[in-house]
């Protein structure tokens, strides 16, 4: 009986250890992915590849950028938001005349 209990206890501890190791590996992989994303964003900002609407980094592939006039955007929502801001600024300038 005690032998079986000891074996079950060993199996339980081994299972807990394996679960802990898997969780640690997952946390490490997540931390590395976050670090890679942060480094890519920092490189994009350093290279001057920033969205004219939100200030975020543009995708590395220039074919994915959205363009309007001389502006570059990272997403369609940024295009719409910047267009509205430009229109509002123009209307305000007209009202001040």
Protein backbone atom coordinates (compact mmCIF):
# COMPACT_ATOMS: atom_id res chain seq x y z
CA UNK A 1 0.00 0.00 0.00
CA UNK A 2 2.72 2.45 0.95
CA UNK A 3 4.65 1.58 -2.16
CA UNK A 4 1.65 2.43 -4.34
CA UNK A 5 1.13 5.68 -2.45
CA UNK A 6 4.79 6.61 -2.96
CA UNK A 7 4.52 5.80 -6.69
CA UNK A 8 1.39 7.93 -7.04
CA UNK A 9 3.10 10.76 -5.18
CA UNK A 10 6.11 10.51 -7.51
CA UNK A 11 3.80 10.58 -10.55
CA UNK A 12 1.91 13.58 -9.16
CA UNK A 13 5.15 15.48 -8.53
CA UNK A 14 6.45 14.62 -11.99
CA UNK A 15 3.20 15.81 -13.52
CA UNK A 16 3.35 19.08 -11.55
CA UNK A 17 6.98 19.58 -12.60
CA UNK A 18 6.09 19.00 -16.26
CA UNK A 19 3.20 21.47 -16.02
CA UNK A 20 5.48 24.06 -14.40
CA UNK A 21 8.12 23.57 -17.10
CA UNK A 22 5.49 23.95 -19.84
CA UNK A 23 4.15 27.13 -18.23
CA UNK A 24 7.66 28.55 -17.94
CA UNK A 25 8.42 27.74 -21.57
CA UNK A 26 5.18 29.38 -22.66
CA UNK A 27 5.95 32.51 -20.60
CA UNK A 28 9.44 32.69 -22.07
CA UNK A 29 8.12 32.34 -25.63
CA UNK A 30 5.57 35.08 -24.98
CA UNK A 31 8.20 37.40 -23.51
CA UNK A 32 10.46 36.82 -26.52
CA UNK A 33 7.58 37.56 -28.92
CA UNK A 34 6.81 40.80 -27.08
CA UNK A 35 10.49 41.78 -27.19
CA UNK A 36 10.70 41.08 -30.93
CA UNK A 37 7.56 43.15 -31.58
CA UNK A 38 8.91 46.03 -29.49
CA UNK A 39 12.24 45.91 -31.31
CA UNK A 40 10.48 45.95 -34.69
CA UNK A 41 8.38 48.93 -33.62
CA UNK A 42 11.45 50.78 -32.36
CA UNK A 43 13.29 50.09 -35.61
CA UNK A 44 10.34 51.36 -37.66
CA UNK A 45 10.13 54.54 -35.61
CA UNK A 46 13.89 55.06 -35.84
CA UNK A 47 13.74 54.66 -39.62
CA UNK A 48 11.03 57.30 -39.83
CA UNK A 49 8.35 54.83 -40.89
CA UNK A 50 5.51 56.21 -38.77
CA UNK A 51 1.81 56.56 -39.48
CA UNK A 52 0.80 60.18 -40.09
CA UNK A 53 -2.47 59.66 -38.21
CA UNK A 54 -1.71 57.59 -35.10
CA UNK A 55 2.07 57.89 -34.91
CA UNK A 56 2.50 54.12 -34.77
CA UNK A 57 4.98 52.16 -36.85
CA UNK A 58 4.21 51.34 -40.46
CA UNK A 59 4.51 47.73 -41.63
CA UNK A 60 7.97 46.70 -42.77
CA UNK A 61 6.64 45.90 -46.25
CA UNK A 62 6.01 49.22 -48.02
CA UNK A 63 3.37 47.58 -50.22
CA UNK A 64 1.13 47.32 -47.15
CA UNK A 65 1.18 51.05 -46.44
CA UNK A 66 -1.87 53.07 -47.30
CA UNK A 67 -1.18 56.41 -48.97
CA UNK A 68 -3.16 59.58 -49.57
CA UNK A 69 -1.44 62.63 -51.01
CA UNK A 70 1.96 62.78 -49.25
CA UNK A 71 0.74 60.95 -46.14
CA UNK A 72 1.36 57.33 -45.15
CA UNK A 73 -0.96 55.28 -42.93
CA UNK A 74 -0.90 51.92 -41.19
CA UNK A 75 -4.65 51.16 -41.40
CA UNK A 76 -7.84 52.26 -43.10
CA UNK A 77 -9.16 53.67 -39.84
CA UNK A 78 -6.12 55.95 -39.68
CA UNK A 79 -6.83 57.21 -43.21
CA UNK A 80 -10.42 58.08 -42.27
CA UNK A 81 -9.45 59.70 -38.95
CA UNK A 82 -6.72 61.82 -40.54
CA UNK A 83 -9.00 62.87 -43.40
CA UNK A 84 -11.64 64.00 -40.88
CA UNK A 85 -8.99 65.90 -38.91
CA UNK A 86 -7.70 67.62 -42.08
CA UNK A 87 -11.26 68.55 -43.11
CA UNK A 88 -12.01 69.94 -39.64
CA UNK A 89 -8.80 72.00 -39.69
CA UNK A 90 -9.69 73.38 -43.13
CA UNK A 91 -13.22 74.28 -42.01
CA UNK A 92 -11.86 75.98 -38.91
CA UNK A 93 -9.39 77.98 -41.02
CA UNK A 94 -12.22 79.06 -43.35
CA UNK A 95 -14.35 80.14 -40.38
CA UNK A 96 -11.55 82.31 -38.99
CA UNK A 97 -11.26 84.33 -42.21
